[in-house]
Protein backbone atom coordinates (compact mmCIF):
# COMPACT_ATOMS: atom_id res chain seq x y z
CA UNK A 1 -87.70 -63.74 60.15
CA UNK A 2 -87.92 -66.14 63.09
CA UNK A 3 -90.70 -65.74 65.64
CA UNK A 4 -91.16 -67.24 69.08
CA UNK A 5 -94.40 -69.17 69.53
CA UNK A 6 -95.80 -71.31 72.31
CA UNK A 7 -96.35 -74.98 71.53
CA UNK A 8 -97.55 -77.79 73.75
CA UNK A 9 -94.97 -79.99 75.45
CA UNK A 10 -96.62 -83.00 73.78
CA UNK A 11 -96.10 -81.56 70.29
CA UNK A 12 -92.47 -80.70 71.03
CA UNK A 13 -91.80 -84.18 72.47
CA UNK A 14 -93.39 -85.78 69.41
CA UNK A 15 -91.36 -83.53 67.10
CA UNK A 16 -88.15 -84.58 68.91
CA UNK A 17 -89.06 -88.24 68.51
CA UNK A 18 -89.95 -88.00 64.81
CA UNK A 19 -87.12 -85.57 64.14
CA UNK A 20 -84.60 -88.06 65.49
CA UNK A 21 -85.91 -90.71 63.10
CA UNK A 22 -85.47 -88.38 60.11
CA UNK A 23 -82.35 -86.55 61.36
CA UNK A 24 -84.20 -83.27 61.82
CA UNK A 25 -84.28 -80.90 64.75
CA UNK A 26 -87.63 -80.51 66.51
CA UNK A 27 -88.22 -77.08 64.91
CA UNK A 28 -87.40 -78.46 61.45
CA UNK A 29 -89.75 -81.41 62.04
CA UNK A 30 -92.57 -79.02 63.01
CA UNK A 31 -91.84 -76.93 59.88
CA UNK A 32 -92.01 -80.12 57.80
CA UNK A 33 -95.36 -81.11 59.32
CA UNK A 34 -96.65 -77.60 58.74
CA UNK A 35 -95.59 -77.67 55.09
CA UNK A 36 -97.15 -81.09 54.49
CA UNK A 37 -100.35 -80.02 56.27
CA UNK A 38 -100.64 -76.84 54.23
CA UNK A 39 -100.19 -78.75 50.97
CA UNK A 40 -102.71 -81.38 52.09
CA UNK A 41 -105.31 -78.72 52.96
CA UNK A 42 -104.80 -76.99 49.61
CA UNK A 43 -104.99 -80.33 47.75
CA UNK A 44 -107.36 -82.60 49.70
CA UNK A 45 -107.48 -85.23 46.95
CA UNK A 46 -103.71 -85.90 47.07
CA UNK A 47 -102.51 -88.77 49.27
CA UNK A 48 -99.63 -88.14 51.67
CA UNK A 49 -97.16 -90.32 49.73
CA UNK A 50 -97.92 -88.42 46.53
CA UNK A 51 -97.24 -85.10 48.30
CA UNK A 52 -93.96 -86.52 49.64
CA UNK A 53 -92.96 -87.69 46.15
CA UNK A 54 -93.71 -84.26 44.69
CA UNK A 55 -91.55 -82.57 47.33
CA UNK A 56 -88.73 -85.04 46.66
CA UNK A 57 -88.96 -84.46 42.91
CA UNK A 58 -88.85 -80.70 43.39
CA UNK A 59 -85.74 -81.06 45.56
CA UNK A 60 -84.07 -83.31 42.97
CA UNK A 61 -84.65 -80.64 40.31
CA UNK A 62 -83.27 -77.98 42.65
CA UNK A 63 -80.19 -80.16 43.35
CA UNK A 64 -79.77 -80.85 39.61
CA UNK A 65 -80.23 -84.60 40.16
CA UNK A 66 -82.49 -85.14 37.16
CA UNK A 67 -81.81 -86.28 33.60
CA UNK A 68 -83.77 -85.33 30.49
CA UNK A 69 -86.27 -87.98 29.44
CA UNK A 70 -85.73 -89.30 25.92
CA UNK A 71 -88.81 -90.60 24.12
CA UNK A 72 -88.46 -93.89 22.26
């Protein structure tokens, strides 16, 4: 369920700027930052790029873009 919240103009402007770079709307960019931040707080030893790679891998599995690994 969507909720209305108040955010600073600076945060919204920044979200527009970054969202344009990654083809996301400002709300989707803020959701992305929130998700990354939550993961980072729950896993303080993980670097940002590792978190990003994990999220990408999870999406690839969801989109059935993976192949079984064959040993040897």
